[in-house]
């Protein structure tokens, strides 16, 4: 192999080309590659954070749903207690009203019974008077014997 000027020229031009590439072309390419690597790493990190946030959000959602269910159970239990209270109050009110009406009816019955007794006494007195008048038709003095008959009616 001959060592000639062409080989030296090609070597020099190759060295100049490598120097030119290393000085002006290589740095922007490495910078672009590094920037792309950082973007990919940031995207992967964001995806990882997104997965973590999604898991946390699911956990929070489950907690909120559990709390809402517990609150709903509490509301239903309170409604049941309130309904039971209302039913008990209605029963108590109904029982009180029934007792009041029953007492009123008993009082009315007593009044009617007393009135019927008084009426019966007066009728018995009238019948007794008529009977006595027939028996003692010659000697009956209504004014004299009325007091005696009223006492008899009161005893009946």
C-alpha atoms as a PDB file:
ATOM      1  CA  UNK A   1       0.000   0.000   0.000  1.00  0.00           C
ATOM      2  CA  UNK A   2       1.265   3.370  -0.945  1.00  0.00           C
ATOM      3  CA  UNK A   3       1.259   6.177   1.414  1.00  0.00           C
ATOM      4  CA  UNK A   4       0.379   9.089  -0.762  1.00  0.00           C
ATOM      5  CA  UNK A   5      -1.088  12.521  -0.661  1.00  0.00           C
ATOM      6  CA  UNK A   6      -4.623  11.361  -1.350  1.00  0.00           C
ATOM      7  CA  UNK A   7      -4.654   9.257   1.778  1.00  0.00           C
ATOM      8  CA  UNK A   8      -3.357  12.173   3.831  1.00  0.00           C
ATOM      9  CA  UNK A   9      -5.982  14.482   2.270  1.00  0.00           C
ATOM     10  CA  UNK A  10      -8.718  12.031   2.941  1.00  0.00           C
ATOM     11  CA  UNK A  11      -7.469  11.572   6.521  1.00  0.00           C
ATOM     12  CA  UNK A  12      -7.377  15.350   7.080  1.00  0.00           C
ATOM     13  CA  UNK A  13     -10.819  15.806   5.557  1.00  0.00           C
ATOM     14  CA  UNK A  14     -12.092  12.945   7.699  1.00  0.00           C
ATOM     15  CA  UNK A  15     -10.614  14.547  10.821  1.00  0.00           C
ATOM     16  CA  UNK A  16     -12.148  17.936   9.872  1.00  0.00           C
ATOM     17  CA  UNK A  17     -15.497  16.251   9.235  1.00  0.00           C
ATOM     18  CA  UNK A  18     -15.355  14.435  12.613  1.00  0.00           C
ATOM     19  CA  UNK A  19     -14.309  17.664  14.379  1.00  0.00           C
ATOM     20  CA  UNK A  20     -17.093  19.606  12.595  1.00  0.00           C
ATOM     21  CA  UNK A  21     -19.647  16.928  13.509  1.00  0.00           C
ATOM     22  CA  UNK A  22     -18.445  16.804  17.122  1.00  0.00           C
ATOM     23  CA  UNK A  23     -18.440  20.604  17.412  1.00  0.00           C
ATOM     24  CA  UNK A  24     -21.632  21.598  15.566  1.00  0.00           C
ATOM     25  CA  UNK A  25     -23.817  18.569  14.839  1.00  0.00           C
ATOM     26  CA  UNK A  26     -23.313  16.189  17.749  1.00  0.00           C
ATOM     27  CA  UNK A  27     -24.250  18.588  20.656  1.00  0.00           C
ATOM     28  CA  UNK A  28     -27.766  19.475  19.309  1.00  0.00           C
ATOM     29  CA  UNK A  29     -28.437  15.826  18.589  1.00  0.00           C
ATOM     30  CA  UNK A  30     -27.384  14.744  22.128  1.00  0.00           C
ATOM     31  CA  UNK A  31     -29.349  17.647  23.584  1.00  0.00           C
ATOM     32  CA  UNK A  32     -32.448  16.577  21.653  1.00  0.00           C
ATOM     33  CA  UNK A  33     -31.958  12.954  22.705  1.00  0.00           C
ATOM     34  CA  UNK A  34     -31.509  13.951  26.361  1.00  0.00           C
ATOM     35  CA  UNK A  35     -34.596  16.212  26.196  1.00  0.00           C
ATOM     36  CA  UNK A  36     -36.610  13.378  24.681  1.00  0.00           C
ATOM     37  CA  UNK A  37     -35.347  10.998  27.394  1.00  0.00           C
ATOM     38  CA  UNK A  38     -36.387  13.526  30.077  1.00  0.00           C
ATOM     39  CA  UNK A  39     -39.844  13.894  28.475  1.00  0.00           C
ATOM     40  CA  UNK A  40     -40.280  10.127  28.372  1.00  0.00           C
ATOM     41  CA  UNK A  41     -39.116   9.800  32.000  1.00  0.00           C
ATOM     42  CA  UNK A  42     -41.455  12.626  33.055  1.00  0.00           C
ATOM     43  CA  UNK A  43     -44.343  10.986  31.174  1.00  0.00           C
ATOM     44  CA  UNK A  44     -43.645   7.648  32.853  1.00  0.00           C
ATOM     45  CA  UNK A  45     -43.422   9.362  36.249  1.00  0.00           C
ATOM     46  CA  UNK A  46     -46.699  11.208  35.545  1.00  0.00           C
ATOM     47  CA  UNK A  47     -48.333   7.943  34.544  1.00  0.00           C
ATOM     48  CA  UNK A  48     -47.077   6.361  37.770  1.00  0.00           C
ATOM     49  CA  UNK A  49     -48.419   9.328  39.779  1.00  0.00           C
ATOM     50  CA  UNK A  50     -51.689   9.027  37.872  1.00  0.00           C
ATOM     51  CA  UNK A  51     -51.946   5.355  38.804  1.00  0.00           C
ATOM     52  CA  UNK A  52     -51.221   6.204  42.440  1.00  0.00           C
ATOM     53  CA  UNK A  53     -53.744   9.067  42.378  1.00  0.00           C
ATOM     54  CA  UNK A  54     -56.319   6.792  40.743  1.00  0.00           C
ATOM     55  CA  UNK A  55     -55.835   4.172  43.465  1.00  0.00           C
ATOM     56  CA  UNK A  56     -56.117   6.881  46.136  1.00  0.00           C
ATOM     57  CA  UNK A  57     -59.228   8.299  44.466  1.00  0.00           C
ATOM     58  CA  UNK A  58     -60.807   4.841  44.342  1.00  0.00           C
ATOM     59  CA  UNK A  59     -59.994   4.337  48.016  1.00  0.00           C
ATOM     60  CA  UNK A  60     -61.457   7.756  48.878  1.00  0.00           C
ATOM     61  CA  UNK A  61     -64.547   7.021  46.782  1.00  0.00           C
ATOM     62  CA  UNK A  62     -65.053   3.721  48.604  1.00  0.00           C
ATOM     63  CA  UNK A  63     -64.685   5.506  51.964  1.00  0.00           C
ATOM     64  CA  UNK A  64     -67.180   8.181  50.908  1.00  0.00           C
ATOM     65  CA  UNK A  65     -69.625   5.537  49.674  1.00  0.00           C
ATOM     66  CA  UNK A  66     -69.240   3.602  52.938  1.00  0.00           C
ATOM     67  CA  UNK A  67     -69.838   6.794  54.930  1.00  0.00           C
ATOM     68  CA  UNK A  68     -72.876   7.624  52.791  1.00  0.00           C
ATOM     69  CA  UNK A  69     -74.267   4.131  53.327  1.00  0.00           C
ATOM     70  CA  UNK A  70     -73.685   4.423  57.065  1.00  0.00           C
ATOM     71  CA  UNK A  71     -75.341   7.825  57.089  1.00  0.00           C
ATOM     72  CA  UNK A  72     -78.276   6.421  55.104  1.00  0.00           C
ATOM     73  CA  UNK A  73     -78.585   3.576  57.620  1.00  0.00           C
ATOM     74  CA  UNK A  74     -78.565   6.142  60.418  1.00  0.00           C
ATOM     75  CA  UNK A  75     -81.268   8.170  58.703  1.00  0.00           C
ATOM     76  CA  UNK A  76     -83.372   5.055  58.139  1.00  0.00           C
ATOM     77  CA  UNK A  77     -82.892   4.029  61.776  1.00  0.00           C
ATOM     78  CA  UNK A  78     -83.886   7.522  62.938  1.00  0.00           C
ATOM     79  CA  UNK A  79     -86.933   7.396  60.677  1.00  0.00           C
ATOM     80  CA  UNK A  80     -87.895   4.002  62.118  1.00  0.00           C
ATOM     81  CA  UNK A  81     -87.473   5.310  65.676  1.00  0.00           C
ATOM     82  CA  UNK A  82     -89.491   8.412  64.817  1.00  0.00           C
ATOM     83  CA  UNK A  83     -92.188   6.296  63.163  1.00  0.00           C
ATOM     84  CA  UNK A  84     -92.325   4.053  66.236  1.00  0.00           C
ATOM     85  CA  UNK A  85     -92.592   7.135  68.424  1.00  0.00           C
ATOM     86  CA  UNK A  86     -95.384   8.538  66.291  1.00  0.00           C
ATOM     87  CA  UNK A  87     -97.216   5.205  66.376  1.00  0.00           C
ATOM     88  CA  UNK A  88     -96.815   5.003  70.159  1.00  0.00           C
ATOM     89  CA  UNK A  89     -98.011   8.605  70.541  1.00  0.00           C
ATOM     90  CA  UNK A  90    -100.994   7.871  68.319  1.00  0.00           C
ATOM     91  CA  UNK A  91    -101.784   4.760  70.356  1.00  0.00           C
ATOM     92  CA  UNK A  92    -101.515   6.739  73.575  1.00  0.00           C
ATOM     93  CA  UNK A  93    -103.672   9.534  72.179  1.00  0.00           C
ATOM     94  CA  UNK A  94    -106.189   7.007  70.895  1.00  0.00           C
ATOM     95  CA  UNK A  95    -106.263   5.209  74.230  1.00  0.00           C
ATOM     96  CA  UNK A  96    -106.747   8.523  76.055  1.00  0.00           C
ATOM     97  CA  UNK A  97    -109.518   9.544  73.659  1.00  0.00           C
ATOM     98  CA  UNK A  98    -111.165   6.116  73.999  1.00  0.00           C
ATOM     99  CA  UNK A  99    -111.020   6.371  77.787  1.00  0.00           C
ATOM    100  CA  UNK A 100    -112.457   9.913  77.675  1.00  0.00           C
ATOM    101  CA  UNK A 101    -115.313   8.805  75.421  1.00  0.00           C
ATOM    102  CA  UNK A 102    -115.901   5.754  77.586  1.00  0.00           C
ATOM    103  CA  UNK A 103    -116.046   7.917  80.722  1.00  0.00           C
ATOM    104  CA  UNK A 104    -118.416  10.339  78.962  1.00  0.00           C
ATOM    105  CA  UNK A 105    -120.634   7.453  77.877  1.00  0.00           C
ATOM    106  CA  UNK A 106    -120.646   6.018  81.410  1.00  0.00           C
ATOM    107  CA  UNK A 107    -121.552   9.415  82.842  1.00  0.00           C
ATOM    108  CA  UNK A 108    -124.339   9.759  80.265  1.00  0.00           C
ATOM    109  CA  UNK A 109    -125.553   6.246  81.098  1.00  0.00           C
ATOM    110  CA  UNK A 110    -125.550   7.115  84.814  1.00  0.00           C
ATOM    111  CA  UNK A 111    -127.531  10.288  84.137  1.00  0.00           C
ATOM    112  CA  UNK A 112    -130.012   8.383  81.960  1.00  0.00           C
ATOM    113  CA  UNK A 113    -130.255   5.629  84.561  1.00  0.00           C
ATOM    114  CA  UNK A 114    -130.951   8.137  87.324  1.00  0.00           C
ATOM    115  CA  UNK A 115    -133.535   9.873  85.167  1.00  0.00           C
ATOM    116  CA  UNK A 116    -135.154   6.512  84.352  1.00  0.00           C
ATOM    117  CA  UNK A 117    -135.171   5.622  88.071  1.00  0.00           C
ATOM    118  CA  UNK A 118    -136.766   8.928  88.938  1.00  0.00           C
ATOM    119  CA  UNK A 119    -139.342   8.452  86.211  1.00  0.00           C
ATOM    120  CA  UNK A 120    -139.930   4.882  87.350  1.00  0.00           C
ATOM    121  CA  UNK A 121    -140.342   6.076  90.951  1.00  0.00           C
ATOM    122  CA  UNK A 122    -142.874   8.662  89.909  1.00  0.00           C
ATOM    123  CA  UNK A 123    -144.739   6.046  87.836  1.00  0.00           C
ATOM    124  CA  UNK A 124    -144.585   3.564  90.745  1.00  0.00           C
ATOM    125  CA  UNK A 125    -145.850   6.303  93.014  1.00  0.00           C
ATOM    126  CA  UNK A 126    -148.680   7.063  90.598  1.00  0.00           C
ATOM    127  CA  UNK A 127    -149.528   3.347  90.321  1.00  0.00           C
ATOM    128  CA  UNK A 128    -149.315   2.945  94.097  1.00  0.00           C
ATOM    129  CA  UNK A 129    -151.477   5.993  94.516  1.00  0.00           C
ATOM    130  CA  UNK A 130    -154.020   4.649  92.066  1.00  0.00           C
ATOM    131  CA  UNK A 131    -153.971   1.279  93.801  1.00  0.00           C
ATOM    132  CA  UNK A 132    -154.276   2.804  97.201  1.00  0.00           C
ATOM    133  CA  UNK A 133    -157.034   5.047  95.951  1.00  0.00           C
ATOM    134  CA  UNK A 134    -159.024   2.087  94.776  1.00  0.00           C
ATOM    135  CA  UNK A 135    -158.466   0.182  97.963  1.00  0.00           C
ATOM    136  CA  UNK A 136    -159.197   3.047 100.221  1.00  0.00           C
ATOM    137  CA  UNK A 137    -161.514   4.925  97.984  1.00  0.00           C
ATOM    138  CA  UNK A 138    -163.597   6.189 100.806  1.00  0.00           C
ATOM    139  CA  UNK A 139    -160.850   7.502 103.005  1.00  0.00           C
ATOM    140  CA  UNK A 140    -158.105   8.808 100.638  1.00  0.00           C
ATOM    141  CA  UNK A 141    -156.942  12.283 101.176  1.00  0.00           C
ATOM    142  CA  UNK A 142    -154.280  13.052  98.601  1.00  0.00           C
ATOM    143  CA  UNK A 143    -152.711  15.847 100.528  1.00  0.00           C
ATOM    144  CA  UNK A 144    -152.391  13.870 103.704  1.00  0.00           C
ATOM    145  CA  UNK A 145    -151.041  10.688 102.224  1.00  0.00           C
ATOM    146  CA  UNK A 146    -148.799  12.207  99.532  1.00  0.00           C
ATOM    147  CA  UNK A 147    -145.847  12.514 101.927  1.00  0.00           C
ATOM    148  CA  UNK A 148    -146.196   8.873 102.920  1.00  0.00           C
ATOM    149  CA  UNK A 149    -146.261   7.822  99.267  1.00  0.00           C
ATOM    150  CA  UNK A 150    -143.209   9.947  98.425  1.00  0.00           C
ATOM    151  CA  UNK A 151    -141.285   8.185 101.199  1.00  0.00           C
ATOM    152  CA  UNK A 152    -142.437   4.861  99.793  1.00  0.00           C
ATOM    153  CA  UNK A 153    -141.304   5.916  96.300  1.00  0.00           C
ATOM    154  CA  UNK A 154    -137.899   7.020  97.644  1.00  0.00           C
ATOM    155  CA  UNK A 155    -137.387   3.635  99.271  1.00  0.00           C
ATOM    156  CA  UNK A 156    -138.115   1.917  95.969  1.00  0.00           C
END
